[in-house]
Amino acid sequence: MLLQLIFVLVIGGALVAAIMRFRGSRGAAPMVAPESGMLHLTGVSPRPDATGEQYVTLSGSISGPTVVAHEVYGRFAWDVNQWPSIGDQIPVTYPAGKPDHWQLAHPGVRPYFGSRQQRDPGN
């Protein structure tokens, strides 16, 4: 009986932890006092032959008011018609002093998970 109770508590705790992690990762939280900088691309995954949104992996260095050449990488859903290339300078924002939590400000980028085009409210 005690073993069954412990098992139920462990499963319940894992379920609560999974739900909290999922809810916490939905959407980007607004940044407090964000800084703006530029991402200098030093690596870009190859452009696929497919059309529409495809995944791209970017690497490069962020430079901003309090950060100099901080190396970062990330994976994004990206419009193939606006595919990035090595050497591009892309605007980014990040919380003050935390460049590892950067976000892109580019018209070709879409959210990584569940990327959808917003519908026109007139339709």
N, C-alpha and C. Protein backbone atom coordinates (compact mmCIF):
# COMPACT_ATOMS: atom_id res chain seq x y z
N MET A 1 0.82 -1.19 0.00
CA MET A 1 0.00 0.00 0.00
C MET A 1 0.87 1.26 0.00
N LEU A 2 1.92 1.25 0.81
CA LEU A 2 2.81 2.41 0.88
C LEU A 2 3.52 2.62 -0.46
N LEU A 3 3.93 1.54 -1.10
CA LEU A 3 4.60 1.63 -2.40
C LEU A 3 3.66 2.22 -3.45
N GLN A 4 2.40 1.87 -3.42
CA GLN A 4 1.42 2.42 -4.37
C GLN A 4 1.22 3.91 -4.13
N LEU A 5 1.16 4.33 -2.89
CA LEU A 5 1.00 5.75 -2.56
C LEU A 5 2.20 6.56 -3.05
N ILE A 6 3.40 6.04 -2.82
CA ILE A 6 4.61 6.73 -3.29
C ILE A 6 4.60 6.82 -4.81
N PHE A 7 4.22 5.75 -5.49
CA PHE A 7 4.16 5.75 -6.95
C PHE A 7 3.18 6.80 -7.46
N VAL A 8 2.01 6.91 -6.86
CA VAL A 8 1.00 7.90 -7.27
C VAL A 8 1.54 9.32 -7.03
N LEU A 9 2.21 9.55 -5.90
CA LEU A 9 2.78 10.87 -5.63
C LEU A 9 3.88 11.24 -6.63
N VAL A 10 4.71 10.29 -6.99
CA VAL A 10 5.77 10.56 -7.97
C VAL A 10 5.18 10.88 -9.34
N ILE A 11 4.22 10.10 -9.78
CA ILE A 11 3.56 10.35 -11.07
C ILE A 11 2.84 11.70 -11.05
N GLY A 12 2.14 12.00 -9.97
CA GLY A 12 1.45 13.29 -9.85
C GLY A 12 2.43 14.46 -9.88
N GLY A 13 3.54 14.34 -9.18
CA GLY A 13 4.56 15.39 -9.19
C GLY A 13 5.16 15.59 -10.57
N ALA A 14 5.41 14.50 -11.28
CA ALA A 14 5.95 14.61 -12.64
C ALA A 14 4.95 15.28 -13.57
N LEU A 15 3.68 14.96 -13.41
CA LEU A 15 2.64 15.56 -14.23
C LEU A 15 2.54 17.07 -13.97
N VAL A 16 2.56 17.46 -12.70
CA VAL A 16 2.50 18.89 -12.35
C VAL A 16 3.73 19.61 -12.90
N ALA A 17 4.91 19.01 -12.79
CA ALA A 17 6.13 19.64 -13.30
C ALA A 17 6.07 19.80 -14.82
N ALA A 18 5.55 18.80 -15.51
CA ALA A 18 5.44 18.88 -16.98
C ALA A 18 4.46 19.98 -17.39
N ILE A 19 3.35 20.10 -16.69
CA ILE A 19 2.36 21.14 -17.00
C ILE A 19 2.95 22.52 -16.74
N MET A 20 3.64 22.69 -15.63
CA MET A 20 4.24 23.99 -15.31
C MET A 20 5.31 24.37 -16.33
N ARG A 21 6.08 23.41 -16.76
CA ARG A 21 7.12 23.69 -17.77
C ARG A 21 6.48 24.08 -19.10
N PHE A 22 5.42 23.38 -19.49
CA PHE A 22 4.74 23.70 -20.75
C PHE A 22 4.11 25.08 -20.68
N ARG A 23 3.44 25.39 -19.60
CA ARG A 23 2.79 26.70 -19.48
C ARG A 23 3.80 27.82 -19.40
N GLY A 24 4.93 27.58 -18.79
CA GLY A 24 5.97 28.61 -18.68
C GLY A 24 6.67 28.88 -19.99
N SER A 25 6.70 27.92 -20.91
CA SER A 25 7.40 28.11 -22.17
C SER A 25 6.51 28.64 -23.28
N ARG A 26 5.24 28.82 -23.02
CA ARG A 26 4.33 29.32 -24.06
C ARG A 26 4.46 30.82 -24.17
N GLY A 27 4.81 31.27 -25.37
CA GLY A 27 4.91 32.70 -25.63
C GLY A 27 6.12 33.31 -24.95
N ALA A 28 6.55 34.41 -25.46
CA ALA A 28 7.70 35.08 -24.87
C ALA A 28 7.22 36.10 -23.85
N ALA A 29 7.80 36.04 -22.68
CA ALA A 29 7.44 36.99 -21.64
C ALA A 29 8.01 38.36 -22.02
N PRO A 30 7.30 39.42 -21.70
CA PRO A 30 7.83 40.74 -22.01
C PRO A 30 9.12 41.01 -21.24
N MET A 31 10.07 41.63 -21.91
CA MET A 31 11.36 41.91 -21.28
C MET A 31 11.28 43.18 -20.44
N VAL A 32 11.97 43.16 -19.31
CA VAL A 32 12.08 44.34 -18.48
C VAL A 32 13.35 45.06 -18.92
N ALA A 33 13.22 46.31 -19.30
CA ALA A 33 14.33 47.14 -19.77
C ALA A 33 15.18 46.42 -20.81
N PRO A 34 14.60 46.11 -21.97
CA PRO A 34 15.38 45.39 -22.98
C PRO A 34 16.44 46.29 -23.62
N GLU A 35 17.51 45.67 -24.04
CA GLU A 35 18.55 46.37 -24.78
C GLU A 35 18.48 45.92 -26.24
N SER A 36 18.88 46.79 -27.12
CA SER A 36 18.92 46.46 -28.54
C SER A 36 20.36 46.27 -28.96
N GLY A 37 20.55 45.34 -29.87
CA GLY A 37 21.88 45.08 -30.39
C GLY A 37 21.79 44.53 -31.79
N MET A 38 22.91 44.10 -32.31
CA MET A 38 22.97 43.52 -33.64
C MET A 38 23.60 42.14 -33.55
N LEU A 39 23.02 41.21 -34.31
CA LEU A 39 23.56 39.87 -34.44
C LEU A 39 24.31 39.81 -35.76
N HIS A 40 25.60 39.57 -35.70
CA HIS A 40 26.42 39.39 -36.90
C HIS A 40 26.48 37.89 -37.17
N LEU A 41 25.87 37.44 -38.28
CA LEU A 41 25.78 36.02 -38.58
C LEU A 41 27.12 35.47 -39.07
N THR A 42 27.56 34.39 -38.41
CA THR A 42 28.78 33.70 -38.82
C THR A 42 28.47 32.29 -39.30
N GLY A 43 27.23 31.84 -39.11
CA GLY A 43 26.83 30.52 -39.57
C GLY A 43 25.33 30.46 -39.82
N VAL A 44 24.95 29.86 -40.95
CA VAL A 44 23.55 29.72 -41.33
C VAL A 44 23.37 28.35 -41.97
N SER A 45 22.34 27.62 -41.57
CA SER A 45 22.09 26.32 -42.20
C SER A 45 21.69 26.54 -43.66
N PRO A 46 21.93 25.54 -44.52
CA PRO A 46 21.65 25.70 -45.95
C PRO A 46 20.17 25.97 -46.22
N ARG A 47 19.90 26.76 -47.25
CA ARG A 47 18.52 27.04 -47.65
C ARG A 47 17.92 25.79 -48.28
N PRO A 48 16.76 25.36 -47.79
CA PRO A 48 16.13 24.16 -48.36
C PRO A 48 15.45 24.47 -49.71
N ASP A 49 15.19 23.43 -50.48
CA ASP A 49 14.52 23.59 -51.76
C ASP A 49 13.02 23.81 -51.60
N ALA A 50 12.49 23.51 -50.42
CA ALA A 50 11.05 23.66 -50.17
C ALA A 50 10.67 25.14 -50.11
N THR A 51 9.37 25.40 -50.12
CA THR A 51 8.89 26.77 -50.04
C THR A 51 8.20 27.00 -48.70
N GLY A 52 7.86 28.25 -48.43
CA GLY A 52 7.17 28.59 -47.18
C GLY A 52 8.12 28.68 -46.02
N GLU A 53 7.64 28.34 -44.83
CA GLU A 53 8.45 28.39 -43.62
C GLU A 53 9.24 27.09 -43.46
N GLN A 54 10.52 27.25 -43.17
CA GLN A 54 11.40 26.11 -42.92
C GLN A 54 12.29 26.47 -41.74
N TYR A 55 12.85 25.46 -41.09
CA TYR A 55 13.71 25.72 -39.94
C TYR A 55 15.11 26.12 -40.40
N VAL A 56 15.68 27.11 -39.70
CA VAL A 56 17.04 27.56 -39.95
C VAL A 56 17.76 27.61 -38.61
N THR A 57 19.03 27.24 -38.63
CA THR A 57 19.87 27.35 -37.45
C THR A 57 20.87 28.47 -37.71
N LEU A 58 20.92 29.43 -36.79
CA LEU A 58 21.79 30.58 -36.93
C LEU A 58 22.84 30.58 -35.82
N SER A 59 24.03 31.04 -36.15
CA SER A 59 25.05 31.28 -35.13
C SER A 59 25.73 32.60 -35.46
N GLY A 60 26.23 33.23 -34.43
CA GLY A 60 26.89 34.51 -34.63
C GLY A 60 27.24 35.15 -33.32
N SER A 61 27.51 36.45 -33.39
CA SER A 61 27.87 37.18 -32.19
C SER A 61 27.00 38.41 -32.06
N ILE A 62 26.54 38.64 -30.83
CA ILE A 62 25.71 39.80 -30.51
C ILE A 62 26.60 40.90 -29.95
N SER A 63 26.39 42.11 -30.45
CA SER A 63 27.05 43.29 -29.91
C SER A 63 25.98 44.32 -29.59
N GLY A 64 26.10 44.93 -28.43
CA GLY A 64 25.12 45.92 -28.00
C GLY A 64 25.75 46.90 -27.02
N PRO A 65 24.91 47.67 -26.32
CA PRO A 65 25.45 48.69 -25.41
C PRO A 65 26.30 48.12 -24.28
N THR A 66 25.94 46.96 -23.74
CA THR A 66 26.70 46.39 -22.62
C THR A 66 27.34 45.06 -22.97
N VAL A 67 27.24 44.64 -24.24
CA VAL A 67 27.75 43.34 -24.67
C VAL A 67 28.63 43.54 -25.89
N VAL A 68 29.79 42.86 -25.90
CA VAL A 68 30.68 42.94 -27.06
C VAL A 68 30.96 41.52 -27.53
N ALA A 69 30.54 41.20 -28.75
CA ALA A 69 30.83 39.93 -29.41
C ALA A 69 30.50 38.71 -28.54
N HIS A 70 29.27 38.62 -28.07
CA HIS A 70 28.81 37.48 -27.29
C HIS A 70 28.30 36.41 -28.25
N GLU A 71 28.93 35.23 -28.26
CA GLU A 71 28.58 34.16 -29.19
C GLU A 71 27.25 33.51 -28.81
N VAL A 72 26.36 33.37 -29.81
CA VAL A 72 25.04 32.76 -29.59
C VAL A 72 24.67 31.90 -30.79
N TYR A 73 23.66 31.06 -30.60
CA TYR A 73 23.07 30.32 -31.71
C TYR A 73 21.61 30.06 -31.37
N GLY A 74 20.82 29.74 -32.38
CA GLY A 74 19.41 29.45 -32.16
C GLY A 74 18.79 28.84 -33.41
N ARG A 75 17.61 28.29 -33.23
CA ARG A 75 16.87 27.67 -34.33
C ARG A 75 15.52 28.35 -34.43
N PHE A 76 15.13 28.69 -35.67
CA PHE A 76 13.91 29.45 -35.90
C PHE A 76 13.18 28.91 -37.12
N ALA A 77 11.87 29.14 -37.16
CA ALA A 77 11.11 28.93 -38.39
C ALA A 77 11.27 30.21 -39.19
N TRP A 78 11.62 30.08 -40.47
CA TRP A 78 12.00 31.24 -41.27
C TRP A 78 11.38 31.13 -42.65
N ASP A 79 10.95 32.25 -43.19
CA ASP A 79 10.40 32.30 -44.54
C ASP A 79 11.55 32.10 -45.53
N VAL A 80 11.41 31.10 -46.40
CA VAL A 80 12.47 30.76 -47.35
C VAL A 80 12.77 31.93 -48.29
N ASN A 81 11.78 32.75 -48.60
CA ASN A 81 11.99 33.88 -49.50
C ASN A 81 12.85 34.98 -48.89
N GLN A 82 13.06 34.95 -47.58
CA GLN A 82 13.89 35.95 -46.91
C GLN A 82 15.02 35.27 -46.15
N TRP A 83 15.57 34.19 -46.71
CA TRP A 83 16.58 33.38 -46.04
C TRP A 83 17.82 34.20 -45.71
N PRO A 84 18.36 34.08 -44.50
CA PRO A 84 19.55 34.85 -44.11
C PRO A 84 20.82 34.27 -44.74
N SER A 85 21.88 35.04 -44.70
CA SER A 85 23.17 34.56 -45.19
C SER A 85 24.27 35.04 -44.26
N ILE A 86 25.40 34.38 -44.35
CA ILE A 86 26.55 34.73 -43.51
C ILE A 86 26.95 36.17 -43.78
N GLY A 87 27.20 36.91 -42.71
CA GLY A 87 27.58 38.30 -42.82
C GLY A 87 26.43 39.26 -42.59
N ASP A 88 25.20 38.77 -42.60
CA ASP A 88 24.04 39.64 -42.35
C ASP A 88 24.10 40.20 -40.94
N GLN A 89 23.58 41.41 -40.79
CA GLN A 89 23.44 42.06 -39.49
C GLN A 89 21.95 42.10 -39.19
N ILE A 90 21.51 41.39 -38.14
CA ILE A 90 20.10 41.30 -37.80
C ILE A 90 19.87 41.95 -36.44
N PRO A 91 18.88 42.86 -36.34
CA PRO A 91 18.61 43.48 -35.04
C PRO A 91 18.05 42.46 -34.04
N VAL A 92 18.50 42.57 -32.80
CA VAL A 92 18.04 41.70 -31.73
C VAL A 92 17.72 42.54 -30.50
N THR A 93 16.92 41.96 -29.61
CA THR A 93 16.69 42.55 -28.29
C THR A 93 16.98 41.47 -27.26
N TYR A 94 17.38 41.90 -26.08
CA TYR A 94 17.67 40.98 -24.99
C TYR A 94 17.56 41.73 -23.67
N PRO A 95 17.28 41.00 -22.57
CA PRO A 95 17.22 41.67 -21.27
C PRO A 95 18.61 42.24 -20.92
N ALA A 96 18.62 43.34 -20.22
CA ALA A 96 19.88 43.99 -19.85
C ALA A 96 20.81 43.01 -19.15
N GLY A 97 22.00 42.83 -19.70
CA GLY A 97 23.00 41.96 -19.10
C GLY A 97 22.79 40.48 -19.34
N LYS A 98 21.78 40.09 -20.12
CA LYS A 98 21.51 38.67 -20.36
C LYS A 98 21.38 38.41 -21.86
N PRO A 99 22.47 38.48 -22.61
CA PRO A 99 22.38 38.30 -24.06
C PRO A 99 22.04 36.88 -24.49
N ASP A 100 22.10 35.91 -23.57
CA ASP A 100 21.73 34.54 -23.94
C ASP A 100 20.22 34.40 -24.13
N HIS A 101 19.44 35.38 -23.72
CA HIS A 101 17.98 35.35 -23.86
C HIS A 101 17.54 36.32 -24.96
N TRP A 102 18.21 36.25 -26.09
CA TRP A 102 17.98 37.18 -27.19
C TRP A 102 16.78 36.78 -28.03
N GLN A 103 16.21 37.79 -28.69
CA GLN A 103 15.09 37.58 -29.61
C GLN A 103 15.36 38.36 -30.87
N LEU A 104 15.02 37.77 -32.01
CA LEU A 104 15.25 38.43 -33.30
C LEU A 104 14.15 39.43 -33.62
N ALA A 105 14.52 40.45 -34.36
CA ALA A 105 13.56 41.42 -34.88
C ALA A 105 13.75 41.46 -36.39
N HIS A 106 13.23 40.45 -37.09
CA HIS A 106 13.42 40.32 -38.54
C HIS A 106 12.11 39.89 -39.17
N PRO A 107 11.74 40.43 -40.33
CA PRO A 107 10.45 40.08 -40.93
C PRO A 107 10.34 38.63 -41.39
N GLY A 108 11.45 37.94 -41.59
CA GLY A 108 11.39 36.56 -42.07
C GLY A 108 11.25 35.52 -40.98
N VAL A 109 11.46 35.90 -39.72
CA VAL A 109 11.45 34.94 -38.63
C VAL A 109 10.04 34.71 -38.11
N ARG A 110 9.78 33.49 -37.68
CA ARG A 110 8.51 33.11 -37.07
C ARG A 110 8.83 32.38 -35.77
N PRO A 111 7.85 32.25 -34.88
CA PRO A 111 8.10 31.49 -33.65
C PRO A 111 8.53 30.06 -33.97
N TYR A 112 9.37 29.50 -33.11
CA TYR A 112 9.92 28.16 -33.34
C TYR A 112 8.85 27.08 -33.33
N PHE A 113 7.97 27.08 -32.35
CA PHE A 113 6.92 26.06 -32.26
C PHE A 113 5.58 26.65 -32.67
N GLY A 114 4.79 25.87 -33.38
CA GLY A 114 3.43 26.28 -33.73
C GLY A 114 3.37 27.54 -34.55
N SER A 115 4.31 27.70 -35.46
CA SER A 115 4.32 28.93 -36.24
C SER A 115 3.14 28.94 -37.20
N ARG A 116 2.40 30.01 -37.17
CA ARG A 116 1.23 30.19 -38.04
C ARG A 116 1.18 31.63 -38.50
N GLN A 117 0.68 31.81 -39.69
CA GLN A 117 0.43 33.16 -40.16
C GLN A 117 -0.82 33.67 -39.50
N GLN A 118 -0.83 34.94 -39.09
CA GLN A 118 -2.04 35.48 -38.49
C GLN A 118 -3.07 35.73 -39.59
N ARG A 119 -4.29 35.40 -39.29
CA ARG A 119 -5.37 35.56 -40.26
C ARG A 119 -5.87 37.00 -40.30
N ASP A 120 -6.32 37.38 -41.46
CA ASP A 120 -6.92 38.70 -41.63
C ASP A 120 -8.28 38.70 -40.96
N PRO A 121 -8.56 39.63 -40.02
CA PRO A 121 -9.83 39.61 -39.30
C PRO A 121 -11.03 39.82 -40.23
N GLY A 122 -10.81 40.32 -41.45
CA GLY A 122 -11.93 40.53 -42.37
C GLY A 122 -12.42 39.25 -43.01
N ASN A 123 -11.66 38.16 -42.91
CA ASN A 123 -12.06 36.88 -43.53
C ASN A 123 -12.80 35.99 -42.59
